[in-house]
């Protein structure tokens, strides 16, 4: 079996600016188009200090953010907390959330299930 079907190197994935985000470049590491994943999506986000993800919700998907480097302030519904490297947070379906980067050089691994794929039907904005 070909290794390329299963191995994705972050440096080989093109970056894009996600909708409803500021100061963010995402790279879709795992998705339908590169490995054929049907039920999840994994994205690497590189973010500058300031508002990253503006307030929004996903009506039909769950999201996990794992902070690799840097720090951020997160709001999920009525809860607010700070994240540091190694911290992980969960955004349930329909939960209003935002992500504000509080340091330079912040990198976050984001997992969506089912895949978000920047589909405008999978997000509601404030």
Protein backbone atom coordinates (compact mmCIF):
# COMPACT_ATOMS: atom_id res chain seq x y z
CA UNK A 1 0.00 0.00 0.00
CA UNK A 2 1.26 3.48 -0.84
CA UNK A 3 2.44 5.57 2.12
CA UNK A 4 1.29 8.76 0.35
CA UNK A 5 -2.33 7.69 0.87
CA UNK A 6 -1.86 7.96 4.64
CA UNK A 7 0.99 10.41 5.27
CA UNK A 8 0.49 14.19 5.03
CA UNK A 9 3.39 16.57 5.64
CA UNK A 10 2.22 19.97 6.88
CA UNK A 11 4.70 21.83 4.66
CA UNK A 12 3.16 20.31 1.53
CA UNK A 13 -0.38 21.56 2.23
CA UNK A 14 -1.49 24.93 0.82
CA UNK A 15 -2.72 27.52 3.32
CA UNK A 16 -5.99 29.45 3.13
CA UNK A 17 -7.72 32.22 5.09
CA UNK A 18 -10.81 30.75 6.76
CA UNK A 19 -14.14 32.57 6.73
CA UNK A 20 -15.06 34.53 9.88
CA UNK A 21 -11.43 34.50 11.09
CA UNK A 22 -8.80 37.23 11.28
CA UNK A 23 -5.01 36.92 11.32
CA UNK A 24 -5.27 33.19 10.54
CA UNK A 25 -3.82 30.87 7.92
CA UNK A 26 -5.16 27.31 7.96
CA UNK A 27 -3.83 24.19 6.28
CA UNK A 28 -6.21 21.26 5.89
CA UNK A 29 -4.03 18.30 6.90
CA UNK A 30 -6.69 15.58 6.78
CA UNK A 31 -9.80 15.84 4.61
CA UNK A 32 -11.81 14.30 1.81
CA UNK A 33 -9.65 15.78 -0.94
CA UNK A 34 -6.26 14.52 0.23
CA UNK A 35 -6.78 11.25 2.16
CA UNK A 36 -10.48 10.61 1.59
CA UNK A 37 -11.54 11.12 5.23
CA UNK A 38 -15.34 11.00 5.40
CA UNK A 39 -16.16 11.68 9.06
CA UNK A 40 -13.53 14.11 10.32
CA UNK A 41 -11.26 16.91 9.25
CA UNK A 42 -7.94 18.02 10.79
CA UNK A 43 -6.66 21.56 10.24
CA UNK A 44 -3.46 23.29 11.37
CA UNK A 45 -4.06 26.96 12.16
CA UNK A 46 -1.23 29.51 12.40
CA UNK A 47 -2.52 32.67 14.06
CA UNK A 48 -1.26 36.14 14.87
CA UNK A 49 -2.08 38.02 18.06
CA UNK A 50 -5.63 39.40 18.13
CA UNK A 51 -9.10 38.16 17.32
CA UNK A 52 -8.76 34.84 15.51
CA UNK A 53 -12.17 33.22 15.28
CA UNK A 54 -14.96 35.77 15.59
CA UNK A 55 -18.12 34.64 17.46
CA UNK A 56 -19.91 31.87 15.58
CA UNK A 57 -21.41 28.39 15.97
CA UNK A 58 -21.57 25.20 13.93
CA UNK A 59 -25.13 23.82 13.90
CA UNK A 60 -24.25 20.26 12.97
CA UNK A 61 -20.65 19.55 13.87
CA UNK A 62 -18.35 19.29 16.86
CA UNK A 63 -14.95 20.97 17.06
CA UNK A 64 -11.83 20.35 19.13
CA UNK A 65 -8.89 22.77 19.41
CA UNK A 66 -5.53 21.57 20.71
CA UNK A 67 -3.04 24.37 21.31
CA UNK A 68 0.43 23.42 20.07
CA UNK A 69 2.20 26.75 20.69
CA UNK A 70 1.27 30.16 22.07
CA UNK A 71 -1.75 31.21 24.10
CA UNK A 72 -5.37 32.13 23.53
CA UNK A 73 -8.52 33.27 25.30
CA UNK A 74 -11.58 31.17 24.46
CA UNK A 75 -15.29 31.74 24.95
CA UNK A 76 -17.76 28.85 24.63
CA UNK A 77 -21.37 29.86 25.34
CA UNK A 78 -21.08 31.52 28.79
CA UNK A 79 -17.70 29.99 29.75
CA UNK A 80 -14.38 31.84 29.30
CA UNK A 81 -10.88 30.49 29.84
CA UNK A 82 -7.26 30.76 28.73
CA UNK A 83 -5.39 28.09 26.78
CA UNK A 84 -1.67 27.36 26.81
CA UNK A 85 0.44 24.78 24.97
CA UNK A 86 -0.94 21.30 25.50
CA UNK A 87 -4.42 22.53 26.44
CA UNK A 88 -7.42 21.26 24.54
CA UNK A 89 -10.98 22.62 24.31
CA UNK A 90 -14.26 21.30 22.93
CA UNK A 91 -16.97 23.22 21.09
CA UNK A 92 -20.23 21.24 21.00
CA UNK A 93 -22.55 21.54 18.01
CA UNK A 94 -24.60 24.76 18.23
CA UNK A 95 -22.28 26.28 20.90
CA UNK A 96 -21.38 29.92 20.24
CA UNK A 97 -17.61 30.28 20.49
CA UNK A 98 -14.70 32.62 19.79
CA UNK A 99 -10.90 32.33 19.91
CA UNK A 100 -8.66 35.34 20.67
CA UNK A 101 -4.91 34.86 20.30
CA UNK A 102 -2.94 36.41 23.18
CA UNK A 103 0.63 35.69 22.02
CA UNK A 104 2.77 35.73 18.92
CA UNK A 105 3.47 32.49 17.09
CA UNK A 106 0.32 30.62 18.03
CA UNK A 107 -0.37 27.26 16.37
CA UNK A 108 -3.52 25.24 16.93
CA UNK A 109 -4.64 21.84 15.71
CA UNK A 110 -8.38 21.85 14.94
CA UNK A 111 -10.50 18.72 14.50
CA UNK A 112 -14.02 18.82 13.06
CA UNK A 113 -16.55 16.01 12.98
CA UNK A 114 -18.19 15.76 10.54
CA UNK A 115 -15.87 17.74 8.24
CA UNK A 116 -16.46 21.51 8.09
CA UNK A 117 -14.79 22.02 4.69
CA UNK A 118 -15.50 25.78 4.88
CA UNK A 119 -19.12 24.98 4.01
CA UNK A 120 -21.24 28.11 4.74
CA UNK A 121 -24.16 25.85 5.70
CA UNK A 122 -22.10 24.54 8.61
CA UNK A 123 -21.65 27.88 10.36
CA UNK A 124 -23.93 30.50 11.89
CA UNK A 125 -22.55 33.98 12.54
CA UNK A 126 -23.47 36.59 15.11
